Every structure is written in C-alpha cells, then in structure tokens.
Amino acid sequence: MTAPVVHLDSDNLLYEYGLHTQRLFPWDVLNAPFESSWALAKPRTRSTLHSHHEHEIFVAVRGSAVIECDGEETPFKAGDVAFFQPGRRHRLLNDGDEEFMFYSVWWDKEMAEKFLASPRAQSVEAAARSEATA
C-alpha cells in the first residue's frame, strides 16, 4: 500500500495574510487535531500583523527571515521553529532578496476535542491501549 501524499502545488498558491500559501488540512485521509499550511514569503514582503486564539508554530524550511512577535524581532532561518501563544501579535518579515518558505501548524481546544471525539481517533486510541496491555 502506498502512503497518501499531498504535493505542494507552487502554481496554485492562495494569497492570505500577505503570503502565498497552500493549506494541507483538512485532509480526507487524515483526521488530525490541528490544521497546517505551507507558506511562501516572496523577497521583500511582510505577512499581515495579526493575532488569533489558536496556538501556532512556524517551521522554517528554506531561506532566512525575521519573526516579529509583540513588537520584538528575532532572526528566523531554515531549521528553526517558532511558537506563538494565543493572542500574540505576530508576522514574518522577509526583507531579503530570496524567497523564504515555512510550514505553519495551528491548533486549539476545539480542534483537539473534535479529534478525540472522532471514531478514527477512538479506534487508534483503543489499538494503542490493546498494544500496551499485550
């Protein structure tokens, strides 16, 4: 059996929060307690300064940029991971001449509760309990 794969479609990215994105969730083959997307910051662009009720992480994949969170700036380069608590005003600054790509994952209590209440999550949890007692 082959693994389901979502391919990055660079030619059909959406424009949101001042960045070019491709949302990966919801995904029919996977029930997850989070949502996520690829995000591409073109050279000399800045994402929209915003806050929200979800927790969020950015995983830097390619290039270098700067993260602004509550007015403080931090260098952010490939291999780095940033965490934003709910309510923090944040954005990404790419003032350089190269594209910057990162992967964003966000979650909240409602997403986790929906995941835990789903039949698929319950069957995975039951299988894990069964393996633990075997």
C-alpha atoms as a PDB file:
ATOM      1  CA  MET A   1       0.000   0.000   0.000  1.00  0.00           C
ATOM      2  CA  THR A   2       1.340   3.427  -0.878  1.00  0.00           C
ATOM      3  CA  ALA A   3       1.177   6.333   1.521  1.00  0.00           C
ATOM      4  CA  PRO A   4      -1.206   9.181   0.665  1.00  0.00           C
ATOM      5  CA  VAL A   5       0.771  12.298  -0.282  1.00  0.00           C
ATOM      6  CA  VAL A   6      -0.260  15.905  -0.771  1.00  0.00           C
ATOM      7  CA  HIS A   7       2.082  17.584  -3.226  1.00  0.00           C
ATOM      8  CA  LEU A   8       2.984  21.243  -2.966  1.00  0.00           C
ATOM      9  CA  ASP A   9       1.384  22.965  -5.962  1.00  0.00           C
ATOM     10  CA  SER A  10       3.504  26.101  -6.339  1.00  0.00           C
ATOM     11  CA  ASP A  11       1.497  27.243  -9.364  1.00  0.00           C
ATOM     12  CA  ASN A  12      -1.805  27.421  -7.451  1.00  0.00           C
ATOM     13  CA  LEU A  13      -0.993  29.009  -4.098  1.00  0.00           C
ATOM     14  CA  LEU A  14      -3.581  31.108  -2.301  1.00  0.00           C
ATOM     15  CA  TYR A  15      -2.807  34.606  -1.064  1.00  0.00           C
ATOM     16  CA  GLU A  16      -3.605  35.044   2.631  1.00  0.00           C
ATOM     17  CA  TYR A  17      -2.050  37.001   5.486  1.00  0.00           C
ATOM     18  CA  GLY A  18       0.226  38.665   2.909  1.00  0.00           C
ATOM     19  CA  LEU A  19       1.853  35.342   1.932  1.00  0.00           C
ATOM     20  CA  HIS A  20       1.389  32.673  -0.723  1.00  0.00           C
ATOM     21  CA  THR A  21       0.009  29.546   0.953  1.00  0.00           C
ATOM     22  CA  GLN A  22      -1.264  26.033   0.437  1.00  0.00           C
ATOM     23  CA  ARG A  23      -3.406  24.646   3.233  1.00  0.00           C
ATOM     24  CA  LEU A  24      -2.933  20.941   3.862  1.00  0.00           C
ATOM     25  CA  PHE A  25      -5.761  20.332   6.300  1.00  0.00           C
ATOM     26  CA  PRO A  26      -8.462  19.323   6.478  1.00  0.00           C
ATOM     27  CA  TRP A  27      -7.365  16.251   4.508  1.00  0.00           C
ATOM     28  CA  ASP A  28      -9.855  13.467   3.750  1.00  0.00           C
ATOM     29  CA  VAL A  29      -7.447  10.627   4.587  1.00  0.00           C
ATOM     30  CA  LEU A  30      -6.352  12.064   7.922  1.00  0.00           C
ATOM     31  CA  ASN A  31      -8.222  13.298  10.959  1.00  0.00           C
ATOM     32  CA  ALA A  32      -5.772  15.466  12.906  1.00  0.00           C
ATOM     33  CA  PRO A  33      -6.070  17.720  15.983  1.00  0.00           C
ATOM     34  CA  PHE A  34      -4.505  20.610  14.065  1.00  0.00           C
ATOM     35  CA  GLU A  35      -4.517  22.441  10.739  1.00  0.00           C
ATOM     36  CA  SER A  36      -1.490  23.436   8.701  1.00  0.00           C
ATOM     37  CA  SER A  37      -0.188  25.053   5.544  1.00  0.00           C
ATOM     38  CA  TRP A  38       2.891  25.762   3.511  1.00  0.00           C
ATOM     39  CA  ALA A  39       3.699  29.462   3.341  1.00  0.00           C
ATOM     40  CA  LEU A  40       5.970  31.255   0.908  1.00  0.00           C
ATOM     41  CA  ALA A  41       7.208  34.790   1.542  1.00  0.00           C
ATOM     42  CA  LYS A  42       8.439  36.395  -1.658  1.00  0.00           C
ATOM     43  CA  PRO A  43      11.517  38.637  -1.426  1.00  0.00           C
ATOM     44  CA  ARG A  44      10.930  41.974   0.328  1.00  0.00           C
ATOM     45  CA  THR A  45       7.470  41.042   1.669  1.00  0.00           C
ATOM     46  CA  ARG A  46       5.915  41.008   5.105  1.00  0.00           C
ATOM     47  CA  SER A  47       2.971  38.985   6.289  1.00  0.00           C
ATOM     48  CA  THR A  48      -0.006  40.718   7.852  1.00  0.00           C
ATOM     49  CA  LEU A  49       0.443  41.524  11.537  1.00  0.00           C
ATOM     50  CA  HIS A  50      -2.251  39.508  13.305  1.00  0.00           C
ATOM     51  CA  SER A  51      -3.243  37.510  16.371  1.00  0.00           C
ATOM     52  CA  HIS A  52      -5.693  34.656  16.912  1.00  0.00           C
ATOM     53  CA  HIS A  53      -6.989  32.274  19.557  1.00  0.00           C
ATOM     54  CA  GLU A  54      -5.014  29.246  18.307  1.00  0.00           C
ATOM     55  CA  HIS A  55      -1.547  28.118  19.315  1.00  0.00           C
ATOM     56  CA  GLU A  56       0.790  28.175  16.285  1.00  0.00           C
ATOM     57  CA  ILE A  57       4.249  27.061  15.266  1.00  0.00           C
ATOM     58  CA  PHE A  58       6.288  28.029  12.224  1.00  0.00           C
ATOM     59  CA  VAL A  59       8.921  25.592  10.961  1.00  0.00           C
ATOM     60  CA  ALA A  60      11.449  27.368   8.744  1.00  0.00           C
ATOM     61  CA  VAL A  61      12.203  25.232   5.686  1.00  0.00           C
ATOM     62  CA  ARG A  62      14.170  27.401   3.245  1.00  0.00           C
ATOM     63  CA  GLY A  63      15.898  30.758   3.473  1.00  0.00           C
ATOM     64  CA  SER A  64      16.071  33.295   6.265  1.00  0.00           C
ATOM     65  CA  ALA A  65      13.694  35.941   7.555  1.00  0.00           C
ATOM     66  CA  VAL A  66      12.718  37.678  10.775  1.00  0.00           C
ATOM     67  CA  ILE A  67       9.833  36.860  13.105  1.00  0.00           C
ATOM     68  CA  GLU A  68       8.091  39.768  14.809  1.00  0.00           C
ATOM     69  CA  CYS A  69       6.101  38.883  17.936  1.00  0.00           C
ATOM     70  CA  ASP A  70       4.551  41.564  20.139  1.00  0.00           C
ATOM     71  CA  GLY A  71       6.945  44.148  18.685  1.00  0.00           C
ATOM     72  CA  GLU A  72      10.143  42.097  19.254  1.00  0.00           C
ATOM     73  CA  GLU A  73      12.110  40.833  16.243  1.00  0.00           C
ATOM     74  CA  THR A  74      14.015  37.525  16.116  1.00  0.00           C
ATOM     75  CA  PRO A  75      16.113  36.110  13.255  1.00  0.00           C
ATOM     76  CA  PHE A  76      14.481  33.006  11.756  1.00  0.00           C
ATOM     77  CA  LYS A  77      16.254  30.654   9.336  1.00  0.00           C
ATOM     78  CA  ALA A  78      15.884  27.177   7.839  1.00  0.00           C
ATOM     79  CA  GLY A  79      15.798  24.595  10.628  1.00  0.00           C
ATOM     80  CA  ASP A  80      14.324  26.968  13.239  1.00  0.00           C
ATOM     81  CA  VAL A  81      10.925  26.529  14.906  1.00  0.00           C
ATOM     82  CA  ALA A  82       8.931  29.432  16.406  1.00  0.00           C
ATOM     83  CA  PHE A  83       5.964  29.121  18.796  1.00  0.00           C
ATOM     84  CA  PHE A  84       3.217  31.730  19.126  1.00  0.00           C
ATOM     85  CA  GLN A  85       0.880  31.613  22.101  1.00  0.00           C
ATOM     86  CA  PRO A  86      -2.759  32.600  21.550  1.00  0.00           C
ATOM     87  CA  GLY A  87      -3.294  36.353  21.407  1.00  0.00           C
ATOM     88  CA  ARG A  88       0.311  37.239  20.460  1.00  0.00           C
ATOM     89  CA  ARG A  89       0.529  39.714  17.553  1.00  0.00           C
ATOM     90  CA  HIS A  90       2.965  38.238  15.069  1.00  0.00           C
ATOM     91  CA  ARG A  91       4.151  38.307  11.489  1.00  0.00           C
ATOM     92  CA  LEU A  92       7.002  37.244   9.246  1.00  0.00           C
ATOM     93  CA  LEU A  93       9.375  39.784   7.671  1.00  0.00           C
ATOM     94  CA  ASN A  94      11.310  38.799   4.567  1.00  0.00           C
ATOM     95  CA  ASP A  95      13.345  41.890   3.737  1.00  0.00           C
ATOM     96  CA  GLY A  96      15.915  39.846   1.808  1.00  0.00           C
ATOM     97  CA  ASP A  97      16.337  39.063  -1.888  1.00  0.00           C
ATOM     98  CA  GLU A  98      15.472  35.339  -1.632  1.00  0.00           C
ATOM     99  CA  GLU A  99      12.171  33.536  -1.106  1.00  0.00           C
ATOM    100  CA  PHE A 100      11.504  32.226   2.385  1.00  0.00           C
ATOM    101  CA  MET A 101       9.407  29.091   2.941  1.00  0.00           C
ATOM    102  CA  PHE A 102       7.966  27.764   6.164  1.00  0.00           C
ATOM    103  CA  TYR A 103       5.374  25.288   7.379  1.00  0.00           C
ATOM    104  CA  SER A 104       2.717  26.555   9.788  1.00  0.00           C
ATOM    105  CA  VAL A 105       0.743  24.381  12.212  1.00  0.00           C
ATOM    106  CA  TRP A 106      -2.049  25.709  14.439  1.00  0.00           C
ATOM    107  CA  TRP A 107      -4.429  24.162  16.952  1.00  0.00           C
ATOM    108  CA  ASP A 108      -6.907  24.968  19.675  1.00  0.00           C
ATOM    109  CA  LYS A 109      -9.016  23.153  22.256  1.00  0.00           C
ATOM    110  CA  GLU A 110     -11.957  22.728  19.867  1.00  0.00           C
ATOM    111  CA  MET A 111      -9.778  21.020  17.235  1.00  0.00           C
ATOM    112  CA  ALA A 112      -8.374  18.653  19.865  1.00  0.00           C
ATOM    113  CA  GLU A 113     -11.824  17.828  21.255  1.00  0.00           C
ATOM    114  CA  LYS A 114     -13.211  17.194  17.752  1.00  0.00           C
ATOM    115  CA  PHE A 115     -10.276  14.897  17.011  1.00  0.00           C
ATOM    116  CA  LEU A 116     -10.656  12.951  20.272  1.00  0.00           C
ATOM    117  CA  ALA A 117     -14.409  12.528  19.723  1.00  0.00           C
ATOM    118  CA  SER A 118     -13.995  11.161  16.192  1.00  0.00           C
ATOM    119  CA  PRO A 119     -14.422   7.434  15.538  1.00  0.00           C
ATOM    120  CA  ARG A 120     -10.999   7.244  13.871  1.00  0.00           C
ATOM    121  CA  ALA A 121      -9.244   8.746  16.908  1.00  0.00           C
ATOM    122  CA  GLN A 122     -11.117   6.416  19.240  1.00  0.00           C
ATOM    123  CA  SER A 123     -10.102   3.347  17.206  1.00  0.00           C
ATOM    124  CA  VAL A 124      -6.452   4.469  17.193  1.00  0.00           C
ATOM    125  CA  GLU A 125      -6.606   5.045  20.957  1.00  0.00           C
ATOM    126  CA  ALA A 126      -8.181   1.606  21.517  1.00  0.00           C
ATOM    127  CA  ALA A 127      -5.492  -0.048  19.394  1.00  0.00           C
ATOM    128  CA  ALA A 128      -2.770   1.711  21.390  1.00  0.00           C
ATOM    129  CA  ARG A 129      -4.320   0.528  24.686  1.00  0.00           C
ATOM    130  CA  SER A 130      -4.545  -3.006  23.307  1.00  0.00           C
ATOM    131  CA  GLU A 131      -0.862  -2.977  22.314  1.00  0.00           C
ATOM    132  CA  ALA A 132       0.126  -1.604  25.736  1.00  0.00           C
ATOM    133  CA  THR A 133      -1.602  -4.439  27.576  1.00  0.00           C
ATOM    134  CA  ALA A 134      -0.346  -7.180  25.230  1.00  0.00           C
END
